[in-house]
N, C-alpha and C. Protein backbone atom coordinates (compact mmCIF):
# COMPACT_ATOMS: atom_id res chain seq x y z
N LYS A 1 182.86 70.46 -202.14
CA LYS A 1 182.35 69.25 -201.53
C LYS A 1 183.27 68.77 -200.42
N SER A 2 182.65 68.19 -199.42
CA SER A 2 183.46 67.60 -198.37
C SER A 2 184.02 66.26 -198.85
N LEU A 3 185.01 65.78 -198.15
CA LEU A 3 185.62 64.49 -198.50
C LEU A 3 184.58 63.37 -198.44
N LYS A 4 183.74 63.40 -197.43
CA LYS A 4 182.71 62.38 -197.29
C LYS A 4 181.70 62.45 -198.43
N GLU A 5 181.28 63.65 -198.80
CA GLU A 5 180.34 63.82 -199.91
C GLU A 5 180.95 63.33 -201.22
N TYR A 6 182.22 63.64 -201.45
CA TYR A 6 182.91 63.19 -202.65
C TYR A 6 182.97 61.67 -202.69
N LYS A 7 183.37 61.08 -201.58
CA LYS A 7 183.49 59.62 -201.50
C LYS A 7 182.15 58.96 -201.81
N ASN A 8 181.08 59.49 -201.23
CA ASN A 8 179.75 58.91 -201.43
C ASN A 8 179.24 59.14 -202.85
N SER A 9 179.48 60.32 -203.42
CA SER A 9 178.96 60.62 -204.76
C SER A 9 179.71 59.87 -205.85
N LYS A 10 180.98 59.61 -205.66
CA LYS A 10 181.80 58.93 -206.67
C LYS A 10 181.99 57.45 -206.38
N ASN A 11 181.45 56.99 -205.24
CA ASN A 11 181.68 55.61 -204.80
C ASN A 11 183.18 55.31 -204.81
N ALA A 12 183.94 56.25 -204.27
CA ALA A 12 185.40 56.20 -204.33
C ALA A 12 185.99 55.59 -203.07
N ILE A 13 187.19 55.08 -203.22
CA ILE A 13 187.98 54.64 -202.07
C ILE A 13 189.02 55.72 -201.83
N ILE A 14 189.06 56.23 -200.62
CA ILE A 14 189.99 57.28 -200.26
C ILE A 14 190.81 56.80 -199.08
N PHE A 15 192.12 56.92 -199.19
CA PHE A 15 193.00 56.63 -198.07
C PHE A 15 193.21 57.94 -197.33
N PHE A 16 192.71 57.99 -196.13
CA PHE A 16 192.76 59.20 -195.31
C PHE A 16 193.63 58.90 -194.10
N ILE A 17 194.73 59.60 -193.99
CA ILE A 17 195.66 59.38 -192.88
C ILE A 17 195.57 60.59 -191.97
N SER A 18 195.27 60.32 -190.69
CA SER A 18 195.10 61.42 -189.76
C SER A 18 195.33 60.95 -188.34
N HIS A 19 195.70 61.90 -187.49
CA HIS A 19 195.78 61.64 -186.06
C HIS A 19 194.60 62.29 -185.36
N ASN A 20 193.70 62.91 -186.14
CA ASN A 20 192.51 63.54 -185.58
C ASN A 20 191.38 62.50 -185.58
N MET A 21 191.11 61.96 -184.42
CA MET A 21 190.15 60.86 -184.32
C MET A 21 188.72 61.29 -184.62
N GLN A 22 188.36 62.54 -184.32
CA GLN A 22 187.01 63.00 -184.64
C GLN A 22 186.82 63.07 -186.16
N GLU A 23 187.86 63.49 -186.88
CA GLU A 23 187.77 63.50 -188.35
C GLU A 23 187.60 62.08 -188.88
N ILE A 24 188.32 61.15 -188.31
CA ILE A 24 188.20 59.76 -188.75
C ILE A 24 186.79 59.26 -188.51
N LEU A 25 186.23 59.56 -187.35
CA LEU A 25 184.85 59.17 -187.07
C LEU A 25 183.87 59.78 -188.06
N SER A 26 184.13 61.03 -188.44
CA SER A 26 183.20 61.75 -189.31
C SER A 26 183.30 61.34 -190.77
N ILE A 27 184.48 60.92 -191.21
CA ILE A 27 184.71 60.68 -192.64
C ILE A 27 184.76 59.21 -193.01
N CYS A 28 185.38 58.40 -192.18
CA CYS A 28 185.73 57.03 -192.57
C CYS A 28 184.70 56.00 -192.11
N ASN A 29 184.50 54.99 -192.93
CA ASN A 29 183.65 53.88 -192.50
C ASN A 29 184.48 52.64 -192.16
N LYS A 30 185.77 52.66 -192.49
CA LYS A 30 186.71 51.59 -192.13
C LYS A 30 187.97 52.22 -191.57
N VAL A 31 188.62 51.49 -190.66
CA VAL A 31 189.86 51.96 -190.04
C VAL A 31 190.90 50.86 -190.11
N LEU A 32 192.11 51.27 -190.43
CA LEU A 32 193.28 50.40 -190.30
C LEU A 32 194.18 51.08 -189.28
N ALA A 33 194.30 50.48 -188.10
CA ALA A 33 195.13 51.05 -187.04
C ALA A 33 196.44 50.27 -186.97
N LEU A 34 197.54 51.03 -186.97
CA LEU A 34 198.87 50.44 -186.92
C LEU A 34 199.60 50.96 -185.69
N ASN A 35 200.52 50.14 -185.20
CA ASN A 35 201.43 50.57 -184.15
C ASN A 35 202.78 49.97 -184.48
N ASN A 36 203.75 50.85 -184.74
CA ASN A 36 205.09 50.42 -185.16
C ASN A 36 205.04 49.50 -186.37
N GLY A 37 204.15 49.79 -187.30
CA GLY A 37 204.04 49.02 -188.53
C GLY A 37 203.23 47.73 -188.40
N ASN A 38 202.77 47.42 -187.21
CA ASN A 38 201.98 46.20 -187.00
C ASN A 38 200.49 46.54 -186.99
N GLN A 39 199.71 45.73 -187.69
CA GLN A 39 198.27 45.94 -187.73
C GLN A 39 197.66 45.58 -186.38
N ILE A 40 196.95 46.53 -185.82
CA ILE A 40 196.26 46.35 -184.55
C ILE A 40 194.79 46.07 -184.80
N PHE A 41 194.22 46.76 -185.78
CA PHE A 41 192.79 46.64 -186.04
C PHE A 41 192.52 46.99 -187.50
N TYR A 42 191.60 46.25 -188.10
CA TYR A 42 191.06 46.64 -189.41
C TYR A 42 189.58 46.31 -189.38
N GLY A 43 188.76 47.31 -189.65
CA GLY A 43 187.33 47.06 -189.69
C GLY A 43 186.53 48.33 -189.54
N ASP A 44 185.30 48.17 -189.10
CA ASP A 44 184.33 49.24 -188.97
C ASP A 44 184.84 50.31 -187.99
N THR A 45 184.72 51.56 -188.38
CA THR A 45 185.22 52.67 -187.58
C THR A 45 184.57 52.72 -186.20
N GLN A 46 183.27 52.57 -186.15
CA GLN A 46 182.58 52.64 -184.86
C GLN A 46 183.00 51.49 -183.95
N LYS A 47 183.18 50.30 -184.52
CA LYS A 47 183.63 49.15 -183.72
C LYS A 47 185.03 49.40 -183.16
N PHE A 48 185.87 50.06 -183.95
CA PHE A 48 187.21 50.38 -183.48
C PHE A 48 187.16 51.24 -182.22
N PHE A 49 186.33 52.28 -182.25
CA PHE A 49 186.26 53.18 -181.11
C PHE A 49 185.52 52.59 -179.92
N GLU A 50 184.89 51.46 -180.10
CA GLU A 50 184.26 50.73 -178.99
C GLU A 50 185.20 49.67 -178.43
N ASP A 51 186.29 49.39 -179.13
CA ASP A 51 187.22 48.33 -178.75
C ASP A 51 188.36 48.91 -177.91
N GLU A 52 188.20 48.85 -176.59
CA GLU A 52 189.18 49.45 -175.69
C GLU A 52 190.57 48.84 -175.85
N LYS A 53 190.62 47.54 -176.11
CA LYS A 53 191.92 46.86 -176.28
C LYS A 53 192.64 47.40 -177.51
N ALA A 54 191.94 47.53 -178.63
CA ALA A 54 192.55 48.04 -179.86
C ALA A 54 193.00 49.48 -179.68
N LEU A 55 192.20 50.28 -178.99
CA LEU A 55 192.58 51.67 -178.74
C LEU A 55 193.85 51.74 -177.90
N LYS A 56 193.92 50.92 -176.87
CA LYS A 56 195.08 50.92 -176.00
C LYS A 56 196.33 50.45 -176.77
N GLU A 57 196.20 49.36 -177.54
CA GLU A 57 197.33 48.83 -178.30
C GLU A 57 197.79 49.81 -179.38
N SER A 58 196.86 50.60 -179.90
CA SER A 58 197.19 51.58 -180.93
C SER A 58 197.73 52.87 -180.34
N ASP A 59 197.66 52.97 -179.01
CA ASP A 59 198.08 54.18 -178.31
C ASP A 59 197.29 55.39 -178.81
N ILE A 60 195.97 55.19 -178.93
CA ILE A 60 195.08 56.23 -179.43
C ILE A 60 194.15 56.67 -178.32
N ASP A 61 194.04 57.96 -178.15
CA ASP A 61 193.10 58.52 -177.19
C ASP A 61 191.77 58.74 -177.91
N ILE A 62 190.70 58.32 -177.29
CA ILE A 62 189.41 58.46 -177.95
C ILE A 62 189.00 59.93 -177.97
N PRO A 63 188.19 60.32 -178.96
CA PRO A 63 187.74 61.70 -179.05
C PRO A 63 186.94 62.11 -177.81
N ASP A 64 186.99 63.41 -177.49
CA ASP A 64 186.29 63.92 -176.31
C ASP A 64 184.80 63.60 -176.34
N LEU A 65 184.20 63.64 -177.51
CA LEU A 65 182.78 63.32 -177.63
C LEU A 65 182.49 61.91 -177.12
N LEU A 66 183.36 60.96 -177.46
CA LEU A 66 183.14 59.58 -177.01
C LEU A 66 183.43 59.43 -175.52
N LYS A 67 184.38 60.20 -175.01
CA LYS A 67 184.63 60.18 -173.57
C LYS A 67 183.38 60.64 -172.82
N LEU A 68 182.78 61.73 -173.28
CA LEU A 68 181.57 62.24 -172.65
C LEU A 68 180.42 61.24 -172.77
N LYS A 69 180.29 60.64 -173.94
CA LYS A 69 179.26 59.62 -174.15
C LYS A 69 179.44 58.46 -173.17
N ASN A 70 180.67 58.01 -172.98
CA ASN A 70 180.94 56.90 -172.07
C ASN A 70 180.60 57.26 -170.62
N ILE A 71 180.90 58.49 -170.22
CA ILE A 71 180.56 58.94 -168.87
C ILE A 71 179.05 58.94 -168.68
N ILE A 72 178.33 59.45 -169.66
CA ILE A 72 176.86 59.49 -169.57
C ILE A 72 176.30 58.08 -169.52
N ASN A 73 176.82 57.19 -170.38
CA ASN A 73 176.34 55.80 -170.39
C ASN A 73 176.63 55.10 -169.06
N LYS A 74 177.81 55.32 -168.49
CA LYS A 74 178.18 54.68 -167.23
C LYS A 74 177.32 55.15 -166.07
N ASN A 75 176.68 56.31 -166.23
CA ASN A 75 175.80 56.83 -165.19
C ASN A 75 174.34 56.43 -165.42
N GLY A 76 174.14 55.43 -166.26
CA GLY A 76 172.82 54.85 -166.42
C GLY A 76 171.95 55.41 -167.52
N TYR A 77 172.49 56.27 -168.34
CA TYR A 77 171.72 56.82 -169.46
C TYR A 77 172.23 56.19 -170.74
N ASP A 78 171.43 55.32 -171.32
CA ASP A 78 171.89 54.58 -172.50
C ASP A 78 171.28 55.09 -173.81
N PHE A 79 170.78 56.32 -173.81
CA PHE A 79 170.14 56.87 -175.01
C PHE A 79 171.16 57.30 -176.07
N LEU A 80 172.44 57.19 -175.79
CA LEU A 80 173.46 57.61 -176.74
C LEU A 80 174.08 56.43 -177.49
N GLU A 81 173.46 55.28 -177.43
CA GLU A 81 173.97 54.10 -178.13
C GLU A 81 174.12 54.41 -179.61
N SER A 82 175.19 54.00 -180.20
CA SER A 82 175.52 54.18 -181.63
C SER A 82 175.57 55.64 -182.06
N VAL A 83 175.90 56.54 -181.16
CA VAL A 83 176.10 57.95 -181.51
C VAL A 83 177.59 58.22 -181.54
N PHE A 84 178.09 58.70 -182.68
CA PHE A 84 179.51 58.95 -182.84
C PHE A 84 179.83 60.32 -183.42
N LEU A 85 178.83 60.98 -183.97
CA LEU A 85 179.06 62.27 -184.60
C LEU A 85 178.48 63.39 -183.75
N PRO A 86 179.14 64.56 -183.74
CA PRO A 86 178.69 65.66 -182.88
C PRO A 86 177.22 66.04 -183.05
N GLN A 87 176.75 66.15 -184.28
CA GLN A 87 175.36 66.57 -184.48
C GLN A 87 174.38 65.52 -183.96
N ASP A 88 174.70 64.24 -184.16
CA ASP A 88 173.84 63.18 -183.62
C ASP A 88 173.81 63.24 -182.10
N PHE A 89 174.95 63.52 -181.49
CA PHE A 89 175.06 63.63 -180.04
C PHE A 89 174.16 64.76 -179.54
N ILE A 90 174.29 65.91 -180.16
CA ILE A 90 173.48 67.08 -179.77
C ILE A 90 172.00 66.77 -179.94
N ASP A 91 171.61 66.17 -181.06
CA ASP A 91 170.20 65.85 -181.31
C ASP A 91 169.65 64.91 -180.23
N ARG A 92 170.42 63.88 -179.88
CA ARG A 92 169.96 62.92 -178.85
C ARG A 92 169.83 63.58 -177.49
N ILE A 93 170.80 64.42 -177.13
CA ILE A 93 170.75 65.12 -175.83
C ILE A 93 169.51 66.02 -175.77
N LEU A 94 169.30 66.80 -176.83
CA LEU A 94 168.14 67.70 -176.85
C LEU A 94 166.83 66.92 -176.80
N ASN A 95 166.77 65.83 -177.53
CA ASN A 95 165.57 64.99 -177.51
C ASN A 95 165.33 64.44 -176.11
N PHE A 96 166.41 63.96 -175.48
CA PHE A 96 166.31 63.43 -174.11
C PHE A 96 165.81 64.50 -173.15
N LEU A 97 166.38 65.70 -173.23
CA LEU A 97 165.98 66.78 -172.33
C LEU A 97 164.54 67.21 -172.57
N ASN A 98 164.12 67.23 -173.83
CA ASN A 98 162.73 67.59 -174.14
C ASN A 98 161.76 66.55 -173.58
N CYS A 99 162.11 65.28 -173.66
CA CYS A 99 161.25 64.21 -173.13
C CYS A 99 161.19 64.26 -171.61
N LYS A 100 162.31 64.59 -170.95
CA LYS A 100 162.35 64.66 -169.49
C LYS A 100 161.51 65.83 -168.98
N GLY A 101 161.40 66.88 -169.79
CA GLY A 101 160.67 68.07 -169.37
C GLY A 101 159.16 67.94 -169.48
N LYS A 102 158.70 66.88 -170.07
CA LYS A 102 157.25 66.71 -170.29
C LYS A 102 156.62 65.94 -169.16
């Protein structure tokens, strides 16, 4: 079982410490971000990655997927709203391309 499946099946609380931001997006529903022992952010994982100030204060680089999403959104395509996981991203892109082709 994956960590996320275990957490969901057991209704467990898991403390997951990582510097891999894509893993955090995929596994965690809450984030506690620290910088030099000081709390920068505590709350919803997706909100954390949308909070540019918290990311900057935490000295965290956003995952490449979110960088690409932000570029697409800034160019006027807002169909990627609330997409944070790779498979969701791929599904939305394919859906968008299929709709444009019709």
